[in-house]
Amino acid sequence: MDKICVSVIIISKDRHQMLKRTVNSLLKARKGRGDIEIVVVEEGDMPQKIEGVKYIFLPRKNLGLGYARNTGVKNASGDIILFTDDDVVVDENWIDEMVRGFQYGDGIYGVAGLTRTLIVKWFNGVEEILGLPGGGIKWLYWSGNRIVPAFGMSGCNMGFRKEVFGEFSFIEHSFGKYGGDDWYLSTKVRKKYKCVFNPFAIVYHQPKSKLTRLINVYFRRQICDYLAKRDLCGYSKFYAVFSKLFQCVIIRFVFSLLIIIIFRFKGLIFIALTYYILSLLSIIKFLRYIKFKRCFFYISIYKIYYRTWNF
């Protein structure tokens, strides 16, 4: 790998122990090289400095994710700026592979990597089948294990050339406070510049082991979705809230309800089995990438939660 200065930015709030785990994995991935800096932006009540990094403390003002990431960029000196989150463990070759993505061809300004689940229990693998976060197994499948044009980019595993930030920045207002700031920036960059996905640049994401955590994530996504429609697309407040109700979800719901009313218990069993089988068929193509095969048979249950909170 050619010598090139790289900055890795992590933002964190109220997860200091998890943050230290991420930093430790990055220190291993840095392999003692002086051309790689780690920038930590932590919001809290008091500084808790971490050795071996450039530590920036933000007093608790709840200014949001976009503001924290922009602060990190302003304090980064690298020619390439990488981003990850405080709830991941990076692969020891992650930094090298992200840089290799930029060297894959001419005019590449952004690189996305592969996000897998940090398996704690066997059922945690369900999240990466659903593509949460950062694409998961879906992006790996679509790439065919090759470096390809980026499908999308996620703040837990992405990077850009520094020149990008002379033109674009993370959105700080509206949904940028709660999430979606990475989607906003990466979408702007991908529309103008060439970005690639490197499936060999791997980070392992901490799974949401509790249902309440999953619901919280999905609920926050809906807030971001509403704010994006309202503020970026100029939709009315009513349409921003109810626009998804015009999808075929409502048609399927009404059709299923009629079957249950007409056939009662048998109708309920029929709908449940049909949904379960169709859910399995929709992801069977990912089966060879699933580490714990039992996850495959529980995906339908998780998808019910996902659909319920992702209208």
Protein backbone atom coordinates (compact mmCIF):
# COMPACT_ATOMS: atom_id res chain seq x y z
CA MET A 1 0.00 0.00 0.00
CA ASP A 2 1.38 3.45 -0.96
CA LYS A 3 2.08 5.78 1.93
CA ILE A 4 -0.85 8.12 2.32
CA CYS A 5 -2.09 10.04 5.35
CA VAL A 6 -5.38 8.63 6.65
CA SER A 7 -7.70 9.96 9.36
CA VAL A 8 -10.31 7.73 11.01
CA ILE A 9 -13.18 9.54 12.71
CA ILE A 10 -15.38 8.04 15.43
CA ILE A 11 -18.18 9.92 17.14
CA SER A 12 -19.58 8.78 20.47
CA LYS A 13 -22.05 9.68 23.18
CA ASP A 14 -22.72 7.81 26.44
CA ARG A 15 -20.99 4.63 25.22
CA HIS A 16 -17.46 5.12 26.49
CA GLN A 17 -16.69 1.45 27.15
CA MET A 18 -17.84 0.42 23.68
CA LEU A 19 -15.87 3.33 22.25
CA LYS A 20 -12.67 2.07 23.87
CA ARG A 21 -13.23 -1.36 22.31
CA THR A 22 -13.55 0.25 18.87
CA VAL A 23 -10.43 2.34 19.42
CA ASN A 24 -8.45 -0.74 20.49
CA SER A 25 -9.42 -2.53 17.28
CA LEU A 26 -8.36 0.53 15.27
CA LEU A 27 -5.02 0.71 17.03
CA LYS A 28 -4.39 -2.88 15.93
CA ALA A 29 -5.49 -2.05 12.39
CA ARG A 30 -3.16 0.96 12.37
CA LYS A 31 -0.25 -1.42 12.99
CA GLY A 32 1.89 1.27 14.58
CA ARG A 33 2.10 3.42 11.44
CA GLY A 34 2.48 7.16 11.90
CA ASP A 35 0.60 8.04 8.71
CA ILE A 36 -2.74 7.09 10.27
CA GLU A 37 -4.49 9.22 12.89
CA ILE A 38 -7.57 8.32 14.92
CA VAL A 39 -9.91 11.19 15.76
CA VAL A 40 -12.46 10.61 18.54
CA VAL A 41 -15.29 13.12 19.01
CA GLU A 42 -17.10 12.34 22.26
CA GLU A 43 -20.06 14.24 23.67
CA GLY A 44 -20.72 13.98 27.37
CA ASP A 45 -20.66 15.60 30.79
CA MET A 46 -16.89 15.44 31.29
CA PRO A 47 -13.86 14.47 29.17
CA GLN A 48 -12.64 10.87 29.34
CA LYS A 49 -9.50 10.98 27.25
CA ILE A 50 -8.23 7.90 25.45
CA GLU A 51 -4.55 7.23 24.83
CA GLY A 52 -3.25 7.00 21.29
CA VAL A 53 -5.91 9.16 19.63
CA LYS A 54 -6.71 12.81 18.92
CA TYR A 55 -9.48 13.32 21.47
CA ILE A 56 -12.09 16.07 21.04
CA PHE A 57 -14.64 16.62 23.79
CA LEU A 58 -18.06 18.17 23.12
CA PRO A 59 -19.99 19.40 26.18
CA ARG A 60 -23.48 17.90 26.24
CA LYS A 61 -25.66 20.14 24.07
CA ASN A 62 -27.37 17.45 21.97
CA LEU A 63 -26.31 19.04 18.69
CA GLY A 64 -26.56 15.72 16.90
CA LEU A 65 -24.66 13.28 14.71
CA GLY A 66 -24.08 15.61 11.77
CA TYR A 67 -22.49 18.26 13.97
CA ALA A 68 -20.21 15.71 15.66
CA ARG A 69 -19.01 14.27 12.33
CA ASN A 70 -18.38 17.74 10.89
CA THR A 71 -16.35 18.56 14.01
CA GLY A 72 -14.29 15.45 13.39
CA VAL A 73 -13.66 16.43 9.77
CA LYS A 74 -12.48 19.92 10.80
CA ASN A 75 -9.92 18.33 13.12
CA ALA A 76 -8.73 15.64 10.69
CA SER A 77 -5.48 16.09 8.76
CA GLY A 78 -5.62 13.04 6.49
CA ASP A 79 -5.77 12.99 2.70
CA ILE A 80 -8.39 10.25 3.11
CA ILE A 81 -10.98 10.46 5.87
CA LEU A 82 -12.62 7.25 7.07
CA PHE A 83 -15.66 6.93 9.32
CA THR A 84 -16.80 4.22 11.68
CA ASP A 85 -19.00 4.03 14.79
CA ASP A 86 -18.38 3.40 18.46
CA ASP A 87 -20.32 0.11 18.41
CA VAL A 88 -18.13 -1.78 15.94
CA VAL A 89 -14.91 -3.77 15.92
CA VAL A 90 -12.87 -3.22 12.76
CA ASP A 91 -11.03 -6.00 10.98
CA GLU A 92 -7.24 -5.77 11.30
CA ASN A 93 -6.99 -5.11 7.53
CA TRP A 94 -9.87 -2.61 7.41
CA ILE A 95 -7.80 0.56 6.97
CA ASP A 96 -5.59 -1.05 4.30
CA GLU A 97 -8.62 -2.33 2.40
CA MET A 98 -10.43 1.01 2.55
CA VAL A 99 -7.35 2.72 1.09
CA ARG A 100 -7.09 -0.02 -1.56
CA GLY A 101 -10.62 0.87 -2.60
CA PHE A 102 -9.47 4.41 -3.45
CA GLN A 103 -6.59 2.97 -5.49
CA TYR A 104 -8.79 0.55 -7.42
CA GLY A 105 -9.21 2.99 -10.32
CA ASP A 106 -8.95 6.60 -11.36
CA GLY A 107 -11.20 9.28 -9.93
CA ILE A 108 -12.54 7.35 -6.93
CA TYR A 109 -13.65 9.78 -4.23
CA GLY A 110 -15.59 7.50 -1.87
CA VAL A 111 -15.38 3.93 -0.56
CA ALA A 112 -17.93 1.87 1.37
CA GLY A 113 -17.03 -1.32 3.21
CA LEU A 114 -18.83 -4.46 4.32
CA THR A 115 -20.62 -4.47 7.68
CA ARG A 116 -21.13 -7.85 9.32
CA THR A 117 -22.67 -8.60 12.71
CA LEU A 118 -20.44 -9.13 15.72
CA ILE A 119 -22.01 -12.45 16.67
CA VAL A 120 -22.86 -12.64 20.36
CA LYS A 121 -25.63 -15.22 20.13
CA TRP A 122 -26.63 -17.23 17.09
CA PHE A 123 -29.84 -15.25 16.43
CA ASN A 124 -27.93 -11.94 16.18
CA GLY A 125 -27.04 -12.84 12.61
CA VAL A 126 -30.62 -12.00 11.61
CA GLU A 127 -29.76 -8.29 11.56
CA GLU A 128 -27.13 -8.61 8.86
CA ILE A 129 -29.55 -10.68 6.75
CA LEU A 130 -32.00 -7.77 6.96
CA GLY A 131 -29.21 -5.43 5.89
CA LEU A 132 -29.05 -3.52 9.16
CA PRO A 133 -26.86 -1.58 9.31
CA GLY A 134 -24.68 -0.79 6.30
CA GLY A 135 -26.12 -3.28 3.84
CA GLY A 136 -24.98 -6.46 5.58
CA ILE A 137 -25.15 -9.70 3.61
CA LYS A 138 -27.28 -8.06 0.88
CA TRP A 139 -24.37 -5.87 -0.25
CA LEU A 140 -21.98 -8.81 -0.09
CA TYR A 141 -24.32 -10.86 -2.28
CA TRP A 142 -24.84 -8.06 -4.80
CA SER A 143 -21.09 -7.41 -5.07
CA GLY A 144 -20.23 -11.01 -5.86
CA ASN A 145 -17.24 -10.58 -3.54
CA ARG A 146 -15.72 -7.99 -5.89
CA ILE A 147 -15.02 -4.28 -5.70
CA VAL A 148 -17.99 -2.71 -7.49
CA PRO A 149 -19.76 0.67 -7.74
CA ALA A 150 -21.22 1.56 -4.33
CA PHE A 151 -24.87 0.62 -3.70
CA GLY A 152 -25.04 3.04 -0.77
CA MET A 153 -22.84 4.15 2.11
CA SER A 154 -23.16 3.96 5.88
CA GLY A 155 -21.46 6.02 8.58
CA CYS A 156 -20.17 2.90 10.32
CA ASN A 157 -18.00 1.94 7.32
CA MET A 158 -17.26 4.59 4.70
CA GLY A 159 -14.57 7.02 3.62
CA PHE A 160 -13.96 9.99 1.29
CA ARG A 161 -11.09 11.97 -0.11
CA LYS A 162 -10.55 15.16 1.88
CA GLU A 163 -11.40 17.33 -1.16
CA VAL A 164 -15.01 16.19 -0.85
CA PHE A 165 -15.43 18.22 2.33
CA GLY A 166 -14.50 21.44 0.58
CA GLU A 167 -17.74 20.97 -1.31
CA PHE A 168 -20.04 18.94 0.95
CA SER A 169 -20.66 18.46 4.67
CA PHE A 170 -22.87 16.39 6.94
CA ILE A 171 -26.31 17.92 7.45
CA GLU A 172 -26.64 19.24 11.00
CA HIS A 173 -30.26 20.40 11.16
CA SER A 174 -33.49 18.44 10.69
CA PHE A 175 -32.88 14.66 10.42
CA GLY A 176 -29.11 15.24 10.56
CA LYS A 177 -29.36 15.47 14.33
CA TYR A 178 -30.85 11.98 14.68
CA GLY A 179 -29.37 9.99 11.81
CA GLY A 180 -29.36 10.04 8.04
CA ASP A 181 -26.53 12.57 7.95
CA ASP A 182 -24.32 9.86 6.44
CA TRP A 183 -26.98 9.00 3.85
CA TYR A 184 -27.36 12.69 2.93
CA LEU A 185 -23.64 13.32 2.43
CA SER A 186 -22.90 10.05 0.62
CA THR A 187 -25.84 10.55 -1.74
CA LYS A 188 -24.55 14.00 -2.69
CA VAL A 189 -21.04 12.64 -3.28
CA ARG A 190 -22.17 9.58 -5.26
CA LYS A 191 -24.20 11.76 -7.62
CA LYS A 192 -21.09 13.72 -8.61
CA TYR A 193 -18.13 11.41 -8.02
CA LYS A 194 -17.22 7.76 -8.46
CA CYS A 195 -17.63 5.68 -5.29
CA VAL A 196 -17.01 1.96 -4.85
CA PHE A 197 -17.93 -0.84 -2.45
CA ASN A 198 -15.08 -3.03 -1.20
CA PRO A 199 -16.41 -6.23 0.46
CA PHE A 200 -12.98 -6.92 1.94
CA ALA A 201 -13.05 -3.76 4.11
CA ILE A 202 -14.94 -5.32 7.02
CA VAL A 203 -16.26 -4.01 10.31
CA TYR A 204 -18.27 -6.04 12.81
CA HIS A 205 -21.29 -4.26 14.27
CA GLN A 206 -22.65 -4.80 17.77
CA PRO A 207 -26.11 -6.38 17.36
CA LYS A 208 -29.26 -5.07 19.02
CA SER A 209 -29.79 -8.04 21.29
CA LYS A 210 -33.02 -6.67 22.81
CA LEU A 211 -36.28 -6.10 20.97
CA THR A 212 -36.65 -2.70 22.63
CA ARG A 213 -33.35 -1.60 21.05
CA LEU A 214 -34.52 -2.72 17.62
CA ILE A 215 -37.78 -0.83 18.03
CA ASN A 216 -35.87 2.28 19.10
CA VAL A 217 -33.68 2.12 15.99
CA TYR A 218 -36.65 1.67 13.65
CA PHE A 219 -38.62 4.43 15.36
CA ARG A 220 -35.72 6.85 14.98
CA ARG A 221 -35.46 5.92 11.31
CA GLN A 222 -39.07 6.87 10.83
CA ILE A 223 -38.43 10.26 12.41
CA CYS A 224 -35.54 10.78 9.99
CA ASP A 225 -37.69 9.61 7.08
CA TYR A 226 -40.44 12.07 7.98
CA LEU A 227 -38.03 14.99 8.40
CA ALA A 228 -36.25 14.20 5.12
CA LYS A 229 -39.53 14.19 3.20
CA ARG A 230 -40.67 17.39 4.86
CA ASP A 231 -37.43 19.36 4.61
CA LEU A 232 -35.73 18.02 1.46
CA CYS A 233 -38.69 17.13 -0.73
CA GLY A 234 -41.03 19.89 0.40
CA TYR A 235 -43.88 17.50 1.18
CA SER A 236 -46.69 18.72 3.39
CA LYS A 237 -46.61 17.47 6.97
CA PHE A 238 -49.62 15.24 6.27
CA TYR A 239 -48.04 13.66 3.20
CA ALA A 240 -44.67 13.29 4.91
CA VAL A 241 -46.31 11.21 7.63
CA PHE A 242 -48.77 9.19 5.55
CA SER A 243 -47.08 8.89 2.15
CA LYS A 244 -46.02 5.29 2.80
CA LEU A 245 -49.63 4.36 3.36
CA PHE A 246 -50.06 4.64 -0.42
CA GLN A 247 -47.85 1.64 -0.89
CA CYS A 248 -49.15 -1.89 -1.43
CA VAL A 249 -48.62 -2.60 2.29
CA ILE A 250 -52.16 -1.42 2.98
CA ILE A 251 -53.56 -3.53 0.13
CA ARG A 252 -51.87 -6.62 1.53
CA PHE A 253 -53.13 -5.81 5.01
CA VAL A 254 -56.73 -5.37 3.88
CA PHE A 255 -56.59 -8.55 1.78
CA SER A 256 -55.19 -10.54 4.72
CA LEU A 257 -57.82 -9.12 7.06
CA LEU A 258 -60.61 -10.20 4.71
CA ILE A 259 -59.23 -13.75 4.58
CA ILE A 260 -59.09 -13.89 8.37
CA ILE A 261 -62.66 -12.56 8.70
CA ILE A 262 -64.02 -15.05 6.15
CA PHE A 263 -62.05 -18.14 7.14
CA ARG A 264 -61.31 -17.17 10.76
CA PHE A 265 -58.68 -19.35 12.43
CA LYS A 266 -57.86 -21.27 9.23
CA GLY A 267 -57.43 -17.96 7.45
CA LEU A 268 -55.05 -16.75 10.14
CA ILE A 269 -52.96 -19.92 9.85
CA PHE A 270 -52.92 -19.59 6.05
CA ILE A 271 -51.75 -15.97 6.16
CA ALA A 272 -49.07 -16.75 8.76
CA LEU A 273 -47.68 -19.71 6.80
CA THR A 274 -47.79 -17.83 3.51
CA TYR A 275 -45.91 -14.88 4.98
CA TYR A 276 -43.35 -17.18 6.60
CA ILE A 277 -42.66 -19.14 3.41
CA LEU A 278 -42.47 -16.04 1.19
CA SER A 279 -40.07 -14.42 3.67
CA LEU A 280 -37.77 -17.43 3.52
CA LEU A 281 -37.90 -17.55 -0.28
CA SER A 282 -36.98 -13.85 -0.45
CA ILE A 283 -33.67 -14.43 1.36
CA ILE A 284 -32.73 -17.98 0.29
CA LYS A 285 -30.14 -16.50 -2.08
CA PHE A 286 -28.21 -15.21 0.98
CA LEU A 287 -28.08 -18.62 2.69
CA ARG A 288 -24.47 -19.44 1.78
CA TYR A 289 -23.28 -16.25 3.50
CA ILE A 290 -25.09 -16.97 6.78
CA LYS A 291 -22.76 -18.23 9.48
CA PHE A 292 -25.46 -19.65 11.76
CA LYS A 293 -28.03 -21.33 9.50
CA ARG A 294 -30.68 -21.29 12.26
CA CYS A 295 -30.97 -17.53 11.76
CA PHE A 296 -32.54 -18.24 8.39
CA PHE A 297 -35.65 -19.79 9.94
CA TYR A 298 -36.21 -16.91 12.36
CA ILE A 299 -35.97 -14.15 9.80
CA SER A 300 -39.75 -13.92 9.31
CA ILE A 301 -40.32 -13.08 12.98
CA TYR A 302 -37.78 -10.26 12.81
CA LYS A 303 -39.28 -9.01 9.56
CA ILE A 304 -42.63 -8.61 11.29
CA TYR A 305 -40.95 -6.23 13.75
CA TYR A 306 -39.18 -4.47 10.90
CA ARG A 307 -42.35 -3.99 8.83
CA THR A 308 -44.35 -2.96 11.87
CA TRP A 309 -41.96 -0.15 12.71
CA ASN A 310 -40.93 0.73 9.15
CA PHE A 311 -44.16 1.98 7.55
